[in-house]
Amino acid sequence: MDSLPNPLVIGHRGAPGYRPEHTDSSYRLAVALGADAVEPDLVASKDGVLVVRHENEISGTTDVAARAEFADRRTTKRVDGHELTGWFTEDFTWAELSTLTARERIPEVRTVSAGFDGTEGILRFADLVAVVRSASGAHRRPVGIVAEVKHADYFASIGLPLDRLLAEELAALGFGTDPDAEPLIVESFEQSVLMALQARRVQAEFVYLIERSGRPSDLVARLGDSAPSYADAMTDAGLAALALEVDAISVDKAMLIDLGDDGARPTDLVERAHAAGLRVYTWTLRPENRFLAPPFRDGADPAAVGRWLEEFVLVLSSGVDGFFVDQADLGVAARSAAGDRADHRDGGARPSDVGGSA
C-alpha cells in the first residue's frame, strides 16, 4: 500500500456528511474531496449477491418500509445477539433490492444529505468496485477499498458464507491483485471471517475491528460467557497475539483520547500496537457536536458543528495510520493541520491552539 498517503483518509460509507451513505454519488464525492480509500459495508441478498449496506436490516437507510409490495417481508430476527424488527437483505433477491432507493440515516443532523433521499438506488459490491475504478481514473491516482464484512457468523448460519462470496467476487473482479494500483483492506469485528478469507488466499491487508467494550459476536456464539473480550485484545499480550494473525486493528476514536483532568491527550494505544507490529486505524471522525468528545463541542445543539479540527488533530497526533471520516475534505484538512502541527511541535502547541471550528 505504498502508493497511498499516511495517514489514510478513508471515506466512511462514502461521503455521508453530504450524500446518503453507500450511494454512487456519495462514493464519487468522497474521492473528489480527497479520500485515499472508501469503505463499503458488505451484507448478502437471498441469492448470494454482496450488497453495500451498513446492516442487513435496511429500513433506516432505504425506502423499503414505504413499499407496499414488501410489507409482508417485515419480520423480527436475532442477529449477533440482538433482536431486530424490520426488513432484511437476506429476505430479498438482488433484483428486488435494486428497486429500492437510499435515504439519509440521520436526517435531523444531516439535512443536506437528506435532501437527496430517494434519488439513487443501492449498490452491489461489484457496482462499488466499478465506481472506485472510474473515480481512480478520473482523478489519476490510486483509490483503495476498505471492505467491512458484516455479521459474518450470522450469515454463515443461514447458508450465506460471506468469506466465500467475497473471495469469489474479488477473484471475478480482479480487484486487489495489484496492491499499489488497487489497494484492498478487509476488516471485520469478527476475526474468524478474516482468518477464513486468508485461508481462501484473498490478497488484502486484514484489519480487526475493536469496540470499546463487549465481546466479539463470533466468539460469543462459540464460547458463550468464556469468550474473550475486546479489552483482552488491547493488552500488550493481546496485541502481540493479534499481530500473528492480522495486519492491523481499527478502534473507536474514544480509545485514542484520554480525557484527563488536565485536558485531552492521546492514549498510548497506537504506540503499543505499533510496537507489537500492528498498524492502527480509527473511526469515525465527524464534525457535529453529537459525535465530538465533550471538550470539543460548541454549544448545546447536537447537530451544530463543533471544534472538530481540534479533536481530529488530537486523534491524528496519536500516530494512527488511517482514519474514517464522513466528510473527506475535513479529513484532508485535518491531516494537513496535523502535519503542520508536528512540524512545529517544539513550539508547544496544544490541540486548543488549532482554530478548527467551522
Protein backbone atom coordinates (compact mmCIF):
# COMPACT_ATOMS: atom_id res chain seq x y z
CA MET A 1 0.00 0.00 0.00
CA ASP A 2 3.00 2.27 -0.52
CA SER A 3 1.07 4.16 -3.19
CA LEU A 4 -1.26 5.71 -0.57
CA PRO A 5 -0.52 8.56 1.87
CA ASN A 6 -0.12 8.13 5.61
CA PRO A 7 -2.32 8.54 7.49
CA LEU A 8 -5.03 7.38 5.11
CA VAL A 9 -8.17 9.47 4.74
CA ILE A 10 -10.93 6.88 4.39
CA GLY A 11 -14.37 7.91 3.14
CA HIS A 12 -16.65 6.22 5.69
CA ARG A 13 -19.53 4.79 3.62
CA GLY A 14 -18.56 7.38 1.01
CA ALA A 15 -19.28 10.98 1.99
CA PRO A 16 -22.42 10.68 4.17
CA GLY A 17 -21.92 14.16 5.54
CA TYR A 18 -23.12 15.35 2.13
CA ARG A 19 -24.96 12.48 0.42
CA PRO A 20 -26.84 9.39 1.67
CA GLU A 21 -24.37 6.70 2.67
CA HIS A 22 -23.28 3.89 0.36
CA THR A 23 -24.55 5.54 -2.84
CA ASP A 24 -22.79 6.11 -6.15
CA SER A 25 -22.69 9.89 -5.65
CA SER A 26 -21.51 9.54 -2.05
CA TYR A 27 -18.51 7.46 -3.07
CA ARG A 28 -17.63 9.62 -6.07
CA LEU A 29 -17.85 12.75 -3.94
CA ALA A 30 -15.59 11.24 -1.27
CA VAL A 31 -12.88 10.63 -3.85
CA ALA A 32 -13.35 14.08 -5.38
CA LEU A 33 -12.91 15.61 -1.91
CA GLY A 34 -9.61 13.78 -1.43
CA ALA A 35 -10.34 10.40 0.15
CA ASP A 36 -7.49 7.93 -0.36
CA ALA A 37 -9.86 4.99 0.09
CA VAL A 38 -13.58 4.39 0.60
CA GLU A 39 -15.40 1.98 2.86
CA PRO A 40 -18.29 -0.27 1.83
CA ASP A 41 -20.05 -2.43 4.40
CA LEU A 42 -20.98 -5.83 2.96
CA VAL A 43 -24.05 -7.96 3.61
CA ALA A 44 -25.77 -10.53 1.38
CA SER A 45 -29.01 -10.87 -0.55
CA LYS A 46 -31.16 -14.00 -0.64
CA ASP A 47 -29.47 -15.06 -3.87
CA GLY A 48 -25.93 -14.53 -2.61
CA VAL A 49 -25.17 -11.09 -4.02
CA LEU A 50 -22.90 -8.89 -1.90
CA VAL A 51 -24.87 -5.74 -1.11
CA VAL A 52 -23.37 -2.48 0.15
CA ARG A 53 -25.33 -1.63 3.31
CA HIS A 54 -24.23 -0.96 6.88
CA GLU A 55 -26.68 -3.51 8.27
CA ASN A 56 -28.74 -6.31 6.84
CA GLU A 57 -31.79 -4.58 8.38
CA ILE A 58 -32.41 -1.82 5.83
CA SER A 59 -35.47 0.16 6.94
CA GLY A 60 -33.33 3.02 8.25
CA THR A 61 -31.43 3.68 5.04
CA THR A 62 -33.84 2.75 2.24
CA ASP A 63 -37.49 3.31 1.30
CA VAL A 64 -38.39 -0.36 1.87
CA ALA A 65 -40.85 0.43 4.68
CA ALA A 66 -42.89 2.56 2.28
CA ARG A 67 -43.11 -0.13 -0.38
CA ALA A 68 -46.49 -1.85 -0.12
CA GLU A 69 -45.34 -4.84 -2.17
CA PHE A 70 -42.75 -5.65 0.51
CA ALA A 71 -44.94 -5.13 3.58
CA ASP A 72 -45.13 -8.86 4.28
CA ARG A 73 -41.34 -9.13 4.48
CA ARG A 74 -41.25 -7.23 7.78
CA THR A 75 -40.12 -9.62 10.46
CA THR A 76 -38.17 -9.99 13.70
CA LYS A 77 -34.81 -11.75 13.85
CA ARG A 78 -31.96 -12.21 16.25
CA VAL A 79 -28.66 -11.06 14.75
CA ASP A 80 -25.41 -11.22 16.72
CA GLY A 81 -27.34 -11.45 19.97
CA HIS A 82 -29.67 -8.52 19.26
CA GLU A 83 -33.37 -8.78 18.44
CA LEU A 84 -34.22 -6.61 15.43
CA THR A 85 -37.51 -5.92 13.65
CA GLY A 86 -37.61 -4.69 10.09
CA TRP A 87 -36.69 -5.73 6.57
CA PHE A 88 -33.54 -7.80 5.96
CA THR A 89 -31.40 -8.11 2.84
CA GLU A 90 -31.30 -11.89 3.07
CA ASP A 91 -35.07 -12.00 2.51
CA PHE A 92 -34.81 -10.23 -0.87
CA THR A 93 -33.23 -11.12 -4.17
CA TRP A 94 -30.88 -8.59 -5.68
CA ALA A 95 -33.48 -7.87 -8.37
CA GLU A 96 -35.88 -6.80 -5.62
CA LEU A 97 -33.28 -4.84 -3.66
CA SER A 98 -32.24 -2.99 -6.80
CA THR A 99 -35.67 -1.33 -6.93
CA LEU A 100 -35.15 0.40 -3.56
CA THR A 101 -33.81 3.92 -3.12
CA ALA A 102 -31.42 5.18 -0.47
CA ARG A 103 -32.17 7.70 2.23
CA GLU A 104 -30.24 9.57 4.91
CA ARG A 105 -29.78 7.68 8.18
CA ILE A 106 -29.79 10.73 10.50
CA PRO A 107 -31.79 13.45 8.71
CA GLU A 108 -32.07 15.56 11.85
CA VAL A 109 -28.29 16.03 11.75
CA ARG A 110 -27.50 15.64 8.06
CA THR A 111 -30.14 17.88 6.48
CA VAL A 112 -28.12 18.49 3.30
CA SER A 113 -27.73 14.77 2.71
CA ALA A 114 -31.41 14.17 3.44
CA GLY A 115 -32.24 16.46 0.54
CA PHE A 116 -31.03 13.69 -1.76
CA ASP A 117 -33.31 11.00 -0.33
CA GLY A 118 -34.89 8.82 -2.98
CA THR A 119 -32.64 9.99 -5.82
CA GLU A 120 -30.39 6.92 -6.05
CA GLY A 121 -30.58 3.17 -5.75
CA ILE A 122 -28.42 0.96 -3.58
CA LEU A 123 -25.24 -0.75 -4.75
CA ARG A 124 -23.75 -4.19 -5.09
CA PHE A 125 -20.08 -4.64 -4.23
CA ALA A 126 -19.42 -5.08 -7.95
CA ASP A 127 -21.01 -1.67 -8.57
CA LEU A 128 -18.80 -0.09 -5.91
CA VAL A 129 -15.66 -1.55 -7.49
CA ALA A 130 -16.70 -0.04 -10.83
CA VAL A 131 -17.26 3.35 -9.15
CA VAL A 132 -13.83 3.23 -7.49
CA ARG A 133 -12.09 2.28 -10.72
CA SER A 134 -13.88 5.08 -12.56
CA ALA A 135 -13.06 7.65 -9.86
CA SER A 136 -9.45 6.50 -9.67
CA GLY A 137 -9.08 7.00 -13.41
CA ALA A 138 -10.80 10.39 -13.33
CA HIS A 139 -8.53 11.68 -10.56
CA ARG A 140 -5.41 9.91 -11.83
CA ARG A 141 -4.43 8.35 -8.52
CA PRO A 142 -4.94 5.03 -6.75
CA VAL A 143 -8.09 4.77 -4.65
CA GLY A 144 -8.37 1.92 -2.19
CA ILE A 145 -11.32 -0.03 -0.87
CA VAL A 146 -11.73 -0.81 2.83
CA ALA A 147 -14.37 -3.54 2.80
CA GLU A 148 -16.08 -4.30 6.10
CA VAL A 149 -17.60 -7.78 6.35
CA LYS A 150 -20.76 -7.52 8.46
CA HIS A 151 -22.45 -10.19 10.59
CA ALA A 152 -20.36 -12.98 9.07
CA ASP A 153 -21.20 -15.58 11.68
CA TYR A 154 -24.92 -14.88 11.31
CA PHE A 155 -24.83 -15.06 7.50
CA ALA A 156 -22.86 -18.32 7.62
CA SER A 157 -25.57 -19.76 9.89
CA ILE A 158 -28.22 -19.17 7.21
CA GLY A 159 -26.16 -20.58 4.36
CA LEU A 160 -24.65 -17.35 3.02
CA PRO A 161 -20.95 -17.52 3.94
CA LEU A 162 -19.56 -14.05 3.32
CA ASP A 163 -15.96 -15.25 3.15
CA ARG A 164 -16.78 -17.42 0.14
CA LEU A 165 -18.95 -14.79 -1.51
CA LEU A 166 -16.31 -12.09 -1.11
CA ALA A 167 -13.42 -14.30 -2.22
CA GLU A 168 -15.33 -15.34 -5.34
CA GLU A 169 -16.36 -11.77 -6.14
CA LEU A 170 -12.83 -10.42 -5.74
CA ALA A 171 -11.48 -13.18 -7.99
CA ALA A 172 -14.10 -12.41 -10.62
CA LEU A 173 -13.44 -8.66 -10.48
CA GLY A 174 -9.68 -8.92 -10.13
CA PHE A 175 -9.64 -6.19 -7.53
CA GLY A 176 -6.74 -6.13 -5.06
CA THR A 177 -4.32 -8.25 -7.04
CA ASP A 178 -2.08 -5.19 -7.50
CA PRO A 179 -1.92 -3.53 -4.08
CA ASP A 180 -0.27 -0.39 -5.43
CA ALA A 181 -2.80 0.23 -8.20
CA GLU A 182 -5.88 -1.06 -6.36
CA PRO A 183 -5.24 -1.24 -2.60
CA LEU A 184 -7.59 -3.55 -0.70
CA ILE A 185 -8.20 -3.67 3.03
CA VAL A 186 -10.68 -6.11 4.57
CA GLU A 187 -11.95 -5.53 8.09
CA SER A 188 -14.41 -7.11 10.49
CA PHE A 189 -15.40 -7.20 14.16
CA GLU A 190 -15.26 -10.99 13.78
CA GLN A 191 -11.71 -12.27 13.50
CA SER A 192 -12.85 -15.70 12.36
CA VAL A 193 -14.03 -14.37 8.98
CA LEU A 194 -10.69 -12.63 8.47
CA MET A 195 -8.94 -15.94 9.06
CA ALA A 196 -11.32 -17.66 6.64
CA LEU A 197 -10.54 -15.09 3.95
CA GLN A 198 -6.83 -15.57 4.48
CA ALA A 199 -7.34 -19.31 4.11
CA ARG A 200 -9.03 -18.56 0.76
CA ARG A 201 -5.86 -16.66 -0.25
CA VAL A 202 -7.54 -13.29 -0.60
CA GLN A 203 -4.83 -10.69 -1.17
CA ALA A 204 -5.52 -7.82 1.23
CA GLU A 205 -4.49 -6.12 4.42
CA PHE A 206 -6.57 -7.69 7.20
CA VAL A 207 -7.87 -5.45 9.97
CA TYR A 208 -9.57 -6.50 13.19
CA LEU A 209 -12.21 -4.01 14.34
CA ILE A 210 -12.36 -3.48 18.09
CA GLU A 211 -15.10 -1.97 20.22
CA ARG A 212 -14.56 -0.11 23.49
CA SER A 213 -16.48 -2.82 25.37
CA GLY A 214 -18.15 -6.17 24.87
CA ARG A 215 -17.10 -9.39 23.20
CA PRO A 216 -16.84 -10.44 19.54
CA SER A 217 -20.13 -11.98 18.42
CA ASP A 218 -18.47 -14.88 16.60
CA LEU A 219 -16.61 -15.92 19.75
CA VAL A 220 -19.68 -15.48 21.95
CA ALA A 221 -21.58 -17.82 19.60
CA ARG A 222 -18.90 -20.47 20.09
CA LEU A 223 -17.69 -19.93 23.64
CA GLY A 224 -20.53 -18.17 25.45
CA ASP A 225 -19.54 -16.38 28.64
CA SER A 226 -15.98 -17.65 28.37
CA ALA A 227 -15.39 -15.72 25.14
CA PRO A 228 -12.52 -13.21 25.49
CA SER A 229 -13.47 -9.55 25.49
CA TYR A 230 -12.29 -6.83 23.14
CA ALA A 231 -10.44 -5.37 26.14
CA ASP A 232 -8.40 -8.58 26.39
CA ALA A 233 -7.11 -7.93 22.89
CA MET A 234 -5.87 -4.47 23.91
CA THR A 235 -3.35 -5.70 26.47
CA ASP A 236 0.26 -5.95 25.32
CA ALA A 237 -0.07 -9.73 25.25
CA GLY A 238 -3.33 -9.47 23.30
CA LEU A 239 -1.81 -7.13 20.73
CA ALA A 240 1.18 -9.43 20.29
CA ALA A 241 -1.17 -12.36 19.67
CA LEU A 242 -3.20 -10.38 17.14
CA ALA A 243 -0.05 -9.43 15.25
CA LEU A 244 0.44 -13.11 14.43
CA GLU A 245 -2.93 -13.28 12.70
CA VAL A 246 -3.89 -9.84 11.31
CA ASP A 247 -2.08 -6.83 9.89
CA ALA A 248 -3.85 -4.06 11.77
CA ILE A 249 -6.51 -3.07 14.23
CA SER A 250 -9.20 -0.41 13.87
CA VAL A 251 -10.59 1.13 17.03
CA ASP A 252 -13.25 3.54 18.22
CA LYS A 253 -11.68 7.02 18.34
CA ALA A 254 -12.62 7.23 22.04
CA MET A 255 -9.93 4.63 22.70
CA LEU A 256 -7.33 7.12 21.46
CA ILE A 257 -8.46 10.11 23.57
CA ASP A 258 -7.63 10.41 27.26
CA LEU A 259 -9.97 12.99 28.82
CA GLY A 260 -7.98 13.67 31.97
CA ASP A 261 -8.38 16.48 34.47
CA ASP A 262 -5.50 18.34 32.84
CA GLY A 263 -7.04 18.25 29.35
CA ALA A 264 -7.40 15.88 26.43
CA ARG A 265 -4.37 13.96 25.20
CA PRO A 266 -3.74 10.85 23.09
CA THR A 267 -3.60 7.46 24.79
CA ASP A 268 -0.66 5.09 24.30
CA LEU A 269 -2.68 2.51 22.33
CA VAL A 270 -1.19 3.33 18.93
CA GLU A 271 2.34 3.30 20.32
CA ARG A 272 1.80 -0.10 21.92
CA ALA A 273 0.13 -1.55 18.82
CA HIS A 274 2.95 -0.31 16.60
CA ALA A 275 5.45 -1.88 18.97
CA ALA A 276 3.61 -5.19 18.51
CA GLY A 277 3.83 -4.86 14.72
CA LEU A 278 0.25 -3.74 14.02
CA ARG A 279 -0.97 -0.80 12.01
CA VAL A 280 -3.80 1.20 13.58
CA TYR A 281 -6.92 2.80 12.11
CA THR A 282 -9.69 4.66 13.89
CA TRP A 283 -13.37 5.52 13.37
CA THR A 284 -15.26 7.76 12.91
CA LEU A 285 -14.25 11.43 12.87
CA ARG A 286 -17.31 13.68 12.47
CA PRO A 287 -17.68 17.44 12.97
CA GLU A 288 -21.06 17.70 14.68
CA ASN A 289 -21.37 18.16 18.46
CA ARG A 290 -23.35 14.92 18.69
CA PHE A 291 -20.23 12.97 17.76
CA LEU A 292 -17.44 15.03 19.33
CA ALA A 293 -15.87 14.37 22.72
CA PRO A 294 -17.24 16.86 25.31
CA PRO A 295 -14.24 19.23 25.34
CA PHE A 296 -14.64 19.85 21.62
CA ARG A 297 -18.37 20.62 21.49
CA ASP A 298 -19.51 24.15 20.74
CA GLY A 299 -22.93 24.99 22.19
CA ALA A 300 -25.83 22.74 23.10
CA ASP A 301 -27.22 21.91 19.64
CA PRO A 302 -26.25 18.29 18.84
CA ALA A 303 -26.46 18.99 15.11
CA ALA A 304 -24.24 22.09 15.24
CA VAL A 305 -20.65 21.90 14.07
CA GLY A 306 -18.20 21.95 16.95
CA ARG A 307 -14.45 22.38 17.26
CA TRP A 308 -13.90 19.40 15.02
CA LEU A 309 -10.39 20.24 13.86
CA GLU A 310 -9.08 20.28 17.40
CA GLU A 311 -10.40 16.77 18.02
CA PHE A 312 -9.30 15.46 14.63
CA VAL A 313 -5.75 16.76 15.10
CA LEU A 314 -5.58 15.31 18.61
CA VAL A 315 -6.58 11.89 17.29
CA LEU A 316 -4.04 12.08 14.48
CA SER A 317 -1.32 13.07 16.95
CA SER A 318 -1.64 9.56 18.40
CA GLY A 319 0.15 8.28 15.28
CA VAL A 320 -2.73 6.42 13.62
CA ASP A 321 -2.13 5.01 10.13
CA GLY A 322 -5.59 5.92 8.84
CA PHE A 323 -8.92 7.35 9.90
CA PHE A 324 -12.53 7.19 8.80
CA VAL A 325 -14.41 10.40 8.11
CA ASP A 326 -17.90 11.29 6.90
CA GLN A 327 -16.58 14.38 5.09
CA ALA A 328 -13.35 13.60 3.25
CA ASP A 329 -12.46 17.26 2.75
CA LEU A 330 -12.38 17.73 6.53
CA GLY A 331 -10.14 14.68 6.82
CA VAL A 332 -7.71 16.11 4.28
CA ALA A 333 -7.71 19.44 6.13
CA ALA A 334 -7.06 17.70 9.45
CA ARG A 335 -4.19 15.68 8.01
CA SER A 336 -2.64 18.88 6.71
CA ALA A 337 -3.13 20.65 10.04
CA ALA A 338 -1.71 17.69 11.96
CA GLY A 339 1.34 17.69 9.72
CA ASP A 340 1.82 21.40 10.26
CA ARG A 341 1.48 20.94 14.00
CA ALA A 342 4.02 18.11 14.01
CA ASP A 343 6.43 20.33 12.06
CA HIS A 344 6.16 22.95 14.82
CA ARG A 345 5.93 20.65 17.82
CA ASP A 346 8.82 22.39 19.52
CA GLY A 347 6.59 25.45 19.79
CA GLY A 348 4.49 23.65 22.41
CA ALA A 349 1.19 23.84 20.53
CA ARG A 350 -1.83 22.29 22.20
CA PRO A 351 -4.97 20.98 20.48
CA SER A 352 -6.75 24.14 21.57
CA ASP A 353 -4.22 26.19 19.59
CA VAL A 354 -5.63 24.85 16.32
CA GLY A 355 -8.51 27.06 15.19
CA GLY A 356 -10.83 24.50 13.73
CA SER A 357 -14.46 25.43 14.25
CA ALA A 358 -16.44 25.81 11.05
